[in-house]
Structures are given as structure tokens and as C-alpha cells.
Amino acid sequence: MSIAQIIGIAIGGALGTLLRFFISQSINQWFIKVQWVTPSIVVNILGCLILGILIESRNKNLIESNNLFLSATIGFCGGLTTFSTFIAEIVVLNQKLSSFIFNIFIFTPIVISLSLGVLAFVMGRWIIKIIV
């Protein structure tokens, strides 16, 4: 990996993170009374949309620069949300509908990620409560 790629990913990540922050602030300010409109839901869906556009644009040779692609996908989308990457991995790696259905509904990486994610989050809080 080149220095230009690393810098591009870092800049993209910073921009994605800033967008996530601004979206969170806006939603918390304007939609606080609508329980189901959370910043995480909005950035997850937005990130999936953007990543889908970027990957298909790359597939159609609309994005030729590898540095730009890495900056936009890994950097920007990664800074905005990792959920979009998770969804892209499931969809892109499972080209056959049967594999996709198996991975979503039977193998359930989403359930595993959510379950272990919640467990890890609770454990992290528990560790600090024990230490402090």
C-alpha cells in the first residue's frame, strides 16, 4: 500500500466521520420525537447506498482510480459506518441467491454480529465498572 493510498483513506475516513457526526447532531436535534429515526439507522442505510453506488461504479469502470476507490470505500464509507461494509461483504461474496439466503437467514452473520457486539459492549462497560 502506498503513502498516497494511506493518506487518501485517512482523509476519506475523516470526512465520513464528520458526516456521521453532523447527521447525528441533526437527527438528535430535529427528529428527537420520532423514536425509530436514530442516527445509526440513517448512517447505516446511507452508507449502504453510497457503498453500493461506489462498487457498481467501479464494476462499470466509472471509477478508474484505485486510490479514489479506496478513499471513498474504505475511508469515507468506513468512517461513516462499518455496517455498509458488512452488508457489501455479504452481498458481494454471495453471488448466488441461495448462498445469500443461507448467510442472511440460516448462518445469520447479522445475528452473530449483533449478539456478540452487544455482549462485547456490555463486557466493556462491566470491565470499566470493575476497574473504576
N, C-alpha and C. Protein backbone atom coordinates (compact mmCIF):
# COMPACT_ATOMS: atom_id res chain seq x y z
N MET A 1 0.85 -1.17 0.00
CA MET A 1 0.00 0.00 0.00
C MET A 1 0.90 1.24 0.00
N SER A 2 0.54 2.19 -0.83
CA SER A 2 1.35 3.40 -0.97
C SER A 2 0.96 4.46 0.06
N ILE A 3 1.84 5.43 0.22
CA ILE A 3 1.56 6.55 1.13
C ILE A 3 0.34 7.33 0.63
N ALA A 4 0.21 7.49 -0.69
CA ALA A 4 -0.94 8.21 -1.26
C ALA A 4 -2.24 7.49 -0.91
N GLN A 5 -2.25 6.17 -0.96
CA GLN A 5 -3.45 5.41 -0.61
C GLN A 5 -3.78 5.57 0.87
N ILE A 6 -2.77 5.50 1.71
CA ILE A 6 -2.97 5.64 3.15
C ILE A 6 -3.52 7.03 3.48
N ILE A 7 -2.95 8.06 2.88
CA ILE A 7 -3.42 9.42 3.11
C ILE A 7 -4.85 9.59 2.58
N GLY A 8 -5.13 9.02 1.41
CA GLY A 8 -6.48 9.11 0.84
C GLY A 8 -7.51 8.43 1.73
N ILE A 9 -7.16 7.27 2.24
CA ILE A 9 -8.07 6.55 3.14
C ILE A 9 -8.29 7.35 4.42
N ALA A 10 -7.23 7.95 4.95
CA ALA A 10 -7.34 8.75 6.17
C ALA A 10 -8.22 9.97 5.95
N ILE A 11 -8.05 10.64 4.83
CA ILE A 11 -8.87 11.82 4.52
C ILE A 11 -10.33 11.40 4.32
N GLY A 12 -10.54 10.32 3.57
CA GLY A 12 -11.90 9.82 3.38
C GLY A 12 -12.54 9.43 4.70
N GLY A 13 -11.77 8.77 5.56
CA GLY A 13 -12.28 8.38 6.88
C GLY A 13 -12.67 9.57 7.72
N ALA A 14 -11.85 10.61 7.68
CA ALA A 14 -12.15 11.83 8.44
C ALA A 14 -13.44 12.47 7.93
N LEU A 15 -13.60 12.53 6.61
CA LEU A 15 -14.81 13.12 6.04
C LEU A 15 -16.05 12.30 6.37
N GLY A 16 -15.93 10.97 6.30
CA GLY A 16 -17.05 10.10 6.65
C GLY A 16 -17.44 10.25 8.11
N THR A 17 -16.43 10.35 8.97
CA THR A 17 -16.68 10.52 10.40
C THR A 17 -17.35 11.86 10.69
N LEU A 18 -16.90 12.90 10.01
CA LEU A 18 -17.53 14.21 10.19
C LEU A 18 -18.98 14.19 9.72
N LEU A 19 -19.25 13.53 8.59
CA LEU A 19 -20.63 13.44 8.11
C LEU A 19 -21.49 12.69 9.11
N ARG A 20 -20.94 11.61 9.67
CA ARG A 20 -21.69 10.85 10.69
C ARG A 20 -22.02 11.76 11.88
N PHE A 21 -21.06 12.56 12.31
CA PHE A 21 -21.28 13.47 13.43
C PHE A 21 -22.38 14.49 13.10
N PHE A 22 -22.31 15.10 11.92
CA PHE A 22 -23.30 16.11 11.54
C PHE A 22 -24.69 15.49 11.38
N ILE A 23 -24.75 14.29 10.82
CA ILE A 23 -26.04 13.60 10.71
C ILE A 23 -26.59 13.31 12.11
N SER A 24 -25.74 12.83 12.99
CA SER A 24 -26.18 12.53 14.36
C SER A 24 -26.71 13.78 15.06
N GLN A 25 -25.99 14.88 14.92
CA GLN A 25 -26.42 16.12 15.55
C GLN A 25 -27.75 16.59 14.98
N SER A 26 -27.89 16.52 13.67
CA SER A 26 -29.12 16.97 13.01
C SER A 26 -30.31 16.11 13.42
N ILE A 27 -30.12 14.80 13.42
CA ILE A 27 -31.22 13.91 13.77
C ILE A 27 -31.60 14.09 15.23
N ASN A 28 -30.62 14.17 16.10
CA ASN A 28 -30.91 14.35 17.52
C ASN A 28 -31.62 15.67 17.79
N GLN A 29 -31.34 16.68 16.97
CA GLN A 29 -31.96 17.99 17.16
C GLN A 29 -33.36 18.04 16.55
N TRP A 30 -33.53 17.48 15.36
CA TRP A 30 -34.79 17.67 14.63
C TRP A 30 -35.77 16.52 14.76
N PHE A 31 -35.29 15.31 15.01
CA PHE A 31 -36.18 14.15 15.00
C PHE A 31 -36.23 13.45 16.35
N ILE A 32 -35.96 14.15 17.41
CA ILE A 32 -35.89 13.50 18.72
C ILE A 32 -37.21 12.86 19.13
N LYS A 33 -38.33 13.35 18.61
CA LYS A 33 -39.63 12.81 18.98
C LYS A 33 -40.00 11.57 18.18
N VAL A 34 -39.27 11.28 17.11
CA VAL A 34 -39.54 10.10 16.30
C VAL A 34 -38.56 9.02 16.72
N GLN A 35 -39.04 8.06 17.53
CA GLN A 35 -38.17 7.08 18.17
C GLN A 35 -37.37 6.23 17.18
N TRP A 36 -37.96 5.87 16.06
CA TRP A 36 -37.29 4.95 15.14
C TRP A 36 -36.27 5.65 14.24
N VAL A 37 -36.26 6.98 14.21
CA VAL A 37 -35.26 7.69 13.41
C VAL A 37 -34.05 7.93 14.31
N THR A 38 -33.08 7.01 14.23
CA THR A 38 -31.86 7.16 15.01
C THR A 38 -30.70 7.45 14.08
N PRO A 39 -29.68 8.12 14.56
CA PRO A 39 -28.51 8.38 13.72
C PRO A 39 -27.90 7.12 13.13
N SER A 40 -27.83 6.06 13.92
CA SER A 40 -27.23 4.81 13.43
C SER A 40 -28.00 4.23 12.26
N ILE A 41 -29.31 4.24 12.34
CA ILE A 41 -30.12 3.71 11.24
C ILE A 41 -29.90 4.55 9.98
N VAL A 42 -29.91 5.86 10.13
CA VAL A 42 -29.74 6.73 8.97
C VAL A 42 -28.37 6.55 8.33
N VAL A 43 -27.30 6.56 9.14
CA VAL A 43 -25.96 6.42 8.54
C VAL A 43 -25.73 5.02 8.00
N ASN A 44 -26.32 4.00 8.61
CA ASN A 44 -26.18 2.64 8.09
C ASN A 44 -26.82 2.51 6.71
N ILE A 45 -28.02 3.04 6.56
CA ILE A 45 -28.70 2.97 5.27
C ILE A 45 -27.99 3.84 4.24
N LEU A 46 -27.61 5.05 4.64
CA LEU A 46 -26.88 5.94 3.73
C LEU A 46 -25.55 5.32 3.31
N GLY A 47 -24.84 4.74 4.25
CA GLY A 47 -23.57 4.09 3.94
C GLY A 47 -23.73 2.93 2.96
N CYS A 48 -24.78 2.14 3.16
CA CYS A 48 -25.06 1.02 2.24
C CYS A 48 -25.37 1.54 0.84
N LEU A 49 -26.15 2.60 0.75
CA LEU A 49 -26.47 3.20 -0.55
C LEU A 49 -25.21 3.71 -1.24
N ILE A 50 -24.40 4.46 -0.51
CA ILE A 50 -23.17 5.02 -1.10
C ILE A 50 -22.22 3.91 -1.51
N LEU A 51 -22.03 2.92 -0.66
CA LEU A 51 -21.10 1.83 -0.99
C LEU A 51 -21.60 1.03 -2.19
N GLY A 52 -22.90 0.80 -2.27
CA GLY A 52 -23.46 0.12 -3.43
C GLY A 52 -23.20 0.89 -4.71
N ILE A 53 -23.39 2.20 -4.65
CA ILE A 53 -23.12 3.06 -5.81
C ILE A 53 -21.65 2.99 -6.20
N LEU A 54 -20.77 3.07 -5.21
CA LEU A 54 -19.33 3.05 -5.49
C LEU A 54 -18.86 1.73 -6.08
N ILE A 55 -19.32 0.62 -5.52
CA ILE A 55 -18.90 -0.69 -6.02
C ILE A 55 -19.40 -0.93 -7.43
N GLU A 56 -20.66 -0.58 -7.69
CA GLU A 56 -21.19 -0.78 -9.04
C GLU A 56 -20.54 0.19 -10.03
N SER A 57 -20.22 1.39 -9.58
CA SER A 57 -19.50 2.34 -10.43
C SER A 57 -18.13 1.80 -10.80
N ARG A 58 -17.47 1.16 -9.85
CA ARG A 58 -16.18 0.53 -10.12
C ARG A 58 -16.34 -0.64 -11.09
N ASN A 59 -17.39 -1.45 -10.89
CA ASN A 59 -17.66 -2.58 -11.79
C ASN A 59 -17.92 -2.12 -13.22
N LYS A 60 -18.52 -0.94 -13.37
CA LYS A 60 -18.84 -0.40 -14.70
C LYS A 60 -17.72 0.50 -15.22
N ASN A 61 -16.57 0.49 -14.54
CA ASN A 61 -15.39 1.30 -14.92
C ASN A 61 -15.67 2.80 -14.90
N LEU A 62 -16.61 3.24 -14.09
CA LEU A 62 -16.86 4.66 -13.93
C LEU A 62 -15.86 5.29 -12.96
N ILE A 63 -15.30 4.46 -12.09
CA ILE A 63 -14.23 4.90 -11.19
C ILE A 63 -13.00 4.10 -11.58
N GLU A 64 -12.04 4.77 -12.18
CA GLU A 64 -10.84 4.08 -12.64
C GLU A 64 -9.69 4.16 -11.64
N SER A 65 -9.68 5.21 -10.84
CA SER A 65 -8.59 5.42 -9.89
C SER A 65 -8.75 4.51 -8.68
N ASN A 66 -7.76 3.64 -8.46
CA ASN A 66 -7.80 2.77 -7.29
C ASN A 66 -7.68 3.58 -6.00
N ASN A 67 -6.89 4.65 -6.03
CA ASN A 67 -6.74 5.49 -4.84
C ASN A 67 -8.06 6.15 -4.47
N LEU A 68 -8.78 6.66 -5.47
CA LEU A 68 -10.08 7.28 -5.21
C LEU A 68 -11.07 6.25 -4.68
N PHE A 69 -11.07 5.06 -5.27
CA PHE A 69 -11.98 3.99 -4.84
C PHE A 69 -11.70 3.61 -3.38
N LEU A 70 -10.43 3.42 -3.03
CA LEU A 70 -10.08 3.08 -1.65
C LEU A 70 -10.44 4.20 -0.68
N SER A 71 -10.19 5.43 -1.09
CA SER A 71 -10.51 6.58 -0.25
C SER A 71 -12.00 6.67 0.00
N ALA A 72 -12.79 6.42 -1.05
CA ALA A 72 -14.24 6.54 -0.93
C ALA A 72 -14.86 5.36 -0.19
N THR A 73 -14.37 4.14 -0.46
CA THR A 73 -15.00 2.95 0.15
C THR A 73 -14.47 2.69 1.56
N ILE A 74 -13.19 2.40 1.65
CA ILE A 74 -12.61 2.09 2.96
C ILE A 74 -12.59 3.32 3.84
N GLY A 75 -12.18 4.45 3.27
CA GLY A 75 -12.07 5.67 4.06
C GLY A 75 -13.42 6.27 4.42
N PHE A 76 -14.09 6.84 3.39
CA PHE A 76 -15.33 7.58 3.64
C PHE A 76 -16.43 6.68 4.21
N CYS A 77 -16.73 5.59 3.52
CA CYS A 77 -17.80 4.71 4.00
C CYS A 77 -17.43 4.06 5.33
N GLY A 78 -16.16 3.71 5.50
CA GLY A 78 -15.71 3.14 6.77
C GLY A 78 -15.82 4.12 7.91
N GLY A 79 -15.54 5.40 7.63
CA GLY A 79 -15.70 6.43 8.66
C GLY A 79 -17.16 6.72 8.96
N LEU A 80 -17.98 6.61 7.92
CA LEU A 80 -19.41 6.86 8.09
C LEU A 80 -20.07 5.71 8.84
N THR A 81 -19.80 4.47 8.42
CA THR A 81 -20.41 3.30 9.03
C THR A 81 -19.71 2.03 8.58
N THR A 82 -19.48 1.11 9.49
CA THR A 82 -18.93 -0.19 9.08
C THR A 82 -20.03 -1.14 8.67
N PHE A 83 -21.27 -0.81 8.98
CA PHE A 83 -22.40 -1.65 8.60
C PHE A 83 -22.47 -1.81 7.09
N SER A 84 -22.17 -0.73 6.36
CA SER A 84 -22.22 -0.80 4.90
C SER A 84 -21.21 -1.81 4.37
N THR A 85 -20.04 -1.86 4.96
CA THR A 85 -19.02 -2.83 4.55
C THR A 85 -19.50 -4.24 4.85
N PHE A 86 -20.11 -4.42 5.99
CA PHE A 86 -20.64 -5.72 6.39
C PHE A 86 -21.67 -6.21 5.38
N ILE A 87 -22.60 -5.33 4.99
CA ILE A 87 -23.62 -5.70 4.02
C ILE A 87 -22.99 -5.99 2.66
N ALA A 88 -22.03 -5.16 2.24
CA ALA A 88 -21.36 -5.38 0.95
C ALA A 88 -20.65 -6.72 0.93
N GLU A 89 -20.01 -7.09 2.02
CA GLU A 89 -19.33 -8.39 2.08
C GLU A 89 -20.32 -9.53 1.92
N ILE A 90 -21.45 -9.42 2.56
CA ILE A 90 -22.45 -10.48 2.46
C ILE A 90 -22.98 -10.59 1.03
N VAL A 91 -23.30 -9.45 0.42
CA VAL A 91 -23.89 -9.46 -0.91
C VAL A 91 -22.86 -9.83 -1.97
N VAL A 92 -21.69 -9.19 -1.95
CA VAL A 92 -20.68 -9.42 -2.99
C VAL A 92 -20.09 -10.82 -2.90
N LEU A 93 -19.85 -11.31 -1.71
CA LEU A 93 -19.25 -12.63 -1.57
C LEU A 93 -20.24 -13.76 -1.82
N ASN A 94 -21.51 -13.46 -1.86
CA ASN A 94 -22.54 -14.47 -2.07
C ASN A 94 -23.30 -14.16 -3.35
N GLN A 95 -22.64 -14.39 -4.48
CA GLN A 95 -23.24 -14.06 -5.77
C GLN A 95 -24.49 -14.88 -6.06
N LYS A 96 -24.56 -16.08 -5.55
CA LYS A 96 -25.74 -16.92 -5.77
C LYS A 96 -26.80 -16.58 -4.73
N LEU A 97 -28.03 -16.50 -5.17
CA LEU A 97 -29.13 -16.18 -4.27
C LEU A 97 -29.23 -17.18 -3.12
N SER A 98 -28.99 -18.47 -3.41
CA SER A 98 -29.08 -19.48 -2.35
C SER A 98 -28.03 -19.24 -1.27
N SER A 99 -26.81 -18.87 -1.67
CA SER A 99 -25.77 -18.57 -0.69
C SER A 99 -26.12 -17.34 0.13
N PHE A 100 -26.67 -16.34 -0.55
CA PHE A 100 -27.07 -15.12 0.13
C PHE A 100 -28.14 -15.41 1.17
N ILE A 101 -29.17 -16.15 0.77
CA ILE A 101 -30.26 -16.50 1.69
C ILE A 101 -29.73 -17.32 2.86
N PHE A 102 -28.83 -18.28 2.59
CA PHE A 102 -28.25 -19.08 3.67
C PHE A 102 -27.51 -18.18 4.66
N ASN A 103 -26.67 -17.28 4.14
CA ASN A 103 -25.87 -16.43 5.02
C ASN A 103 -26.69 -15.42 5.80
N ILE A 104 -27.78 -14.97 5.23
CA ILE A 104 -28.61 -14.00 5.94
C ILE A 104 -29.54 -14.67 6.94
N PHE A 105 -30.24 -15.73 6.50
CA PHE A 105 -31.31 -16.29 7.32
C PHE A 105 -30.92 -17.54 8.10
N ILE A 106 -29.93 -18.28 7.65
CA ILE A 106 -29.58 -19.52 8.35
C ILE A 106 -28.29 -19.33 9.14
N PHE A 107 -27.20 -18.97 8.45
CA PHE A 107 -25.93 -18.74 9.13
C PHE A 107 -25.99 -17.49 9.99
N THR A 108 -26.78 -16.58 9.59
CA THR A 108 -27.10 -15.33 10.27
C THR A 108 -25.89 -14.57 10.83
N PRO A 109 -25.01 -14.10 9.95
CA PRO A 109 -23.90 -13.27 10.45
C PRO A 109 -24.39 -12.00 11.11
N ILE A 110 -25.56 -11.52 10.71
CA ILE A 110 -26.10 -10.32 11.35
C ILE A 110 -26.45 -10.62 12.80
N VAL A 111 -27.10 -11.76 13.04
CA VAL A 111 -27.45 -12.14 14.41
C VAL A 111 -26.19 -12.36 15.24
N ILE A 112 -25.21 -13.02 14.64
CA ILE A 112 -23.94 -13.26 15.35
C ILE A 112 -23.26 -11.93 15.68
N SER A 113 -23.17 -11.04 14.69
CA SER A 113 -22.54 -9.74 14.91
C SER A 113 -23.28 -8.94 15.96
N LEU A 114 -24.60 -8.92 15.87
CA LEU A 114 -25.37 -8.16 16.85
C LEU A 114 -25.24 -8.76 18.25
N SER A 115 -25.37 -10.07 18.35
CA SER A 115 -25.29 -10.74 19.65
C SER A 115 -23.92 -10.55 20.30
N LEU A 116 -22.87 -10.86 19.53
CA LEU A 116 -21.53 -10.71 20.09
C LEU A 116 -21.16 -9.24 20.29
N GLY A 117 -21.67 -8.38 19.42
CA GLY A 117 -21.43 -6.94 19.59
C GLY A 117 -22.03 -6.41 20.86
N VAL A 118 -23.27 -6.79 21.13
CA VAL A 118 -23.93 -6.37 22.38
C VAL A 118 -23.19 -6.95 23.58
N LEU A 119 -22.82 -8.21 23.50
CA LEU A 119 -22.09 -8.85 24.58
C LEU A 119 -20.75 -8.14 24.84
N ALA A 120 -20.02 -7.84 23.77
CA ALA A 120 -18.73 -7.15 23.91
C ALA A 120 -18.91 -5.75 24.50
N PHE A 121 -19.95 -5.06 24.06
CA PHE A 121 -20.24 -3.72 24.57
C PHE A 121 -20.53 -3.77 26.07
N VAL A 122 -21.39 -4.69 26.48
CA VAL A 122 -21.73 -4.84 27.90
C VAL A 122 -20.50 -5.24 28.70
N MET A 123 -19.68 -6.14 28.15
CA MET A 123 -18.45 -6.55 28.85
C MET A 123 -17.49 -5.37 29.00
N GLY A 124 -17.39 -4.55 27.96
CA GLY A 124 -16.52 -3.37 28.04
C GLY A 124 -16.96 -2.43 29.15
N ARG A 125 -18.25 -2.20 29.25
CA ARG A 125 -18.76 -1.36 30.33
C ARG A 125 -18.52 -2.01 31.68
N TRP A 126 -18.72 -3.33 31.75
CA TRP A 126 -18.52 -4.06 33.00
C TRP A 126 -17.08 -3.98 33.46
N ILE A 127 -16.13 -4.12 32.52
CA ILE A 127 -14.71 -4.03 32.85
C ILE A 127 -14.37 -2.69 33.49
N ILE A 128 -14.89 -1.61 32.91
CA ILE A 128 -14.62 -0.28 33.47
C ILE A 128 -15.28 -0.12 34.83
N LYS A 129 -16.49 -0.64 34.99
CA LYS A 129 -17.16 -0.56 36.29
C LYS A 129 -16.37 -1.30 37.37
N ILE A 130 -15.73 -2.41 37.01
CA ILE A 130 -14.92 -3.17 37.96
C ILE A 130 -13.65 -2.41 38.30
N ILE A 131 -13.01 -1.83 37.29
CA ILE A 131 -11.72 -1.16 37.48
C ILE A 131 -11.89 0.17 38.22
N VAL A 132 -12.91 0.92 37.84
CA VAL A 132 -13.04 2.30 38.38
C VAL A 132 -13.90 2.31 39.61
